Amino acid sequence: MGYDVTQVQKSLAGFDYPGGPQELADHASSNGADQQLVDTIKGLDKEQFDGPNAVMSKLGEAGILGGSNS
């Protein structure tokens, strides 16, 4: 399943970078992200992200971006 880029960006909006996967996952959860996206973010294989582009890049590498909201 792929996540819509906009959906991911909304989930991470307002995060105070840098941060690790657990912090990002907690933030996404508090922004209303579904549990599957939260778990995906939590499982990202990177110690720390410097900004949203780094997160989106890692999600893209994992092949989980590009889905629709349907």
C-alpha atoms as a PDB file:
ATOM      1  CA  MET A   1       0.000   0.000   0.000  1.00  0.00           C
ATOM      2  CA  GLY A   2       1.272   3.453  -0.820  1.00  0.00           C
ATOM      3  CA  TYR A   3       0.653   6.612   1.127  1.00  0.00           C
ATOM      4  CA  ASP A   4      -0.327   9.855  -0.505  1.00  0.00           C
ATOM      5  CA  VAL A   5       2.476  12.413  -0.150  1.00  0.00           C
ATOM      6  CA  THR A   6       0.008  15.015   1.126  1.00  0.00           C
ATOM      7  CA  GLN A   7      -1.290  12.596   3.751  1.00  0.00           C
ATOM      8  CA  VAL A   8       2.230  11.997   5.052  1.00  0.00           C
ATOM      9  CA  GLN A   9       3.072  15.710   5.028  1.00  0.00           C
ATOM     10  CA  LYS A  10      -0.077  16.511   7.043  1.00  0.00           C
ATOM     11  CA  SER A  11       0.868  13.843   9.570  1.00  0.00           C
ATOM     12  CA  LEU A  12       4.328  15.368  10.038  1.00  0.00           C
ATOM     13  CA  ALA A  13       3.265  19.029   9.919  1.00  0.00           C
ATOM     14  CA  GLY A  14       4.642  21.081  12.779  1.00  0.00           C
ATOM     15  CA  PHE A  15       7.332  18.599  13.803  1.00  0.00           C
ATOM     16  CA  ASP A  16      10.403  20.251  15.309  1.00  0.00           C
ATOM     17  CA  TYR A  17      13.314  18.638  13.443  1.00  0.00           C
ATOM     18  CA  PRO A  18      15.730  16.977  13.865  1.00  0.00           C
ATOM     19  CA  GLY A  19      14.130  13.836  15.224  1.00  0.00           C
ATOM     20  CA  GLY A  20      14.202  10.074  15.157  1.00  0.00           C
ATOM     21  CA  PRO A  21      11.635   7.622  13.859  1.00  0.00           C
ATOM     22  CA  GLN A  22       9.942   7.142  17.250  1.00  0.00           C
ATOM     23  CA  GLU A  23       9.515  10.894  17.765  1.00  0.00           C
ATOM     24  CA  LEU A  24       8.175  11.284  14.233  1.00  0.00           C
ATOM     25  CA  ALA A  25       5.773   8.377  14.736  1.00  0.00           C
ATOM     26  CA  ASP A  26       4.483   9.871  17.986  1.00  0.00           C
ATOM     27  CA  HIS A  27       3.976  13.232  16.285  1.00  0.00           C
ATOM     28  CA  ALA A  28       2.196  11.645  13.311  1.00  0.00           C
ATOM     29  CA  SER A  29      -0.079   9.771  15.682  1.00  0.00           C
ATOM     30  CA  SER A  30      -0.967  12.963  17.545  1.00  0.00           C
ATOM     31  CA  ASN A  31      -1.774  14.548  14.155  1.00  0.00           C
ATOM     32  CA  GLY A  32      -4.284  11.810  13.399  1.00  0.00           C
ATOM     33  CA  ALA A  33      -2.236   9.495  11.170  1.00  0.00           C
ATOM     34  CA  ASP A  34      -3.566   5.973  10.851  1.00  0.00           C
ATOM     35  CA  GLN A  35      -1.783   3.284  12.857  1.00  0.00           C
ATOM     36  CA  GLN A  36      -0.244   1.642   9.795  1.00  0.00           C
ATOM     37  CA  LEU A  37       1.475   4.896   8.792  1.00  0.00           C
ATOM     38  CA  VAL A  38       2.620   5.465  12.387  1.00  0.00           C
ATOM     39  CA  ASP A  39       4.130   1.966  12.470  1.00  0.00           C
ATOM     40  CA  THR A  40       5.783   2.510   9.088  1.00  0.00           C
ATOM     41  CA  ILE A  41       7.403   5.750  10.244  1.00  0.00           C
ATOM     42  CA  LYS A  42       8.496   4.115  13.497  1.00  0.00           C
ATOM     43  CA  GLY A  43      10.209   1.370  11.489  1.00  0.00           C
ATOM     44  CA  LEU A  44      12.229   3.666   9.225  1.00  0.00           C
ATOM     45  CA  ASP A  45      15.867   2.638   9.130  1.00  0.00           C
ATOM     46  CA  LYS A  46      17.542   5.914  10.001  1.00  0.00           C
ATOM     47  CA  GLU A  47      18.683   7.221  13.355  1.00  0.00           C
ATOM     48  CA  GLN A  48      17.698  10.851  12.816  1.00  0.00           C
ATOM     49  CA  PHE A  49      15.980  12.980  10.210  1.00  0.00           C
ATOM     50  CA  ASP A  50      17.039  16.575   9.603  1.00  0.00           C
ATOM     51  CA  GLY A  51      13.820  17.653   7.920  1.00  0.00           C
ATOM     52  CA  PRO A  52      10.690  16.563   6.095  1.00  0.00           C
ATOM     53  CA  ASN A  53      12.523  16.004   2.809  1.00  0.00           C
ATOM     54  CA  ALA A  54      14.705  13.390   4.497  1.00  0.00           C
ATOM     55  CA  VAL A  55      11.615  11.578   5.767  1.00  0.00           C
ATOM     56  CA  MET A  56       9.907  11.688   2.380  1.00  0.00           C
ATOM     57  CA  SER A  57      13.075  10.476   0.692  1.00  0.00           C
ATOM     58  CA  LYS A  58      13.337   7.503   3.045  1.00  0.00           C
ATOM     59  CA  LEU A  59       9.659   6.637   2.556  1.00  0.00           C
ATOM     60  CA  GLY A  60      10.182   6.867  -1.200  1.00  0.00           C
ATOM     61  CA  GLU A  61      13.171   4.518  -1.001  1.00  0.00           C
ATOM     62  CA  ALA A  62      10.998   2.069   0.921  1.00  0.00           C
ATOM     63  CA  GLY A  63       8.453   2.176  -1.903  1.00  0.00           C
ATOM     64  CA  ILE A  64       5.533   3.261   0.246  1.00  0.00           C
ATOM     65  CA  LEU A  65       4.726   6.642  -1.268  1.00  0.00           C
ATOM     66  CA  GLY A  66       2.432   7.350  -4.153  1.00  0.00           C
ATOM     67  CA  GLY A  67      -0.815   5.732  -3.119  1.00  0.00           C
ATOM     68  CA  SER A  68      -4.113   7.531  -3.089  1.00  0.00           C
ATOM     69  CA  ASN A  69      -6.478   8.246  -0.252  1.00  0.00           C
ATOM     70  CA  SER A  70      -9.017   5.734  -1.514  1.00  0.00           C
END
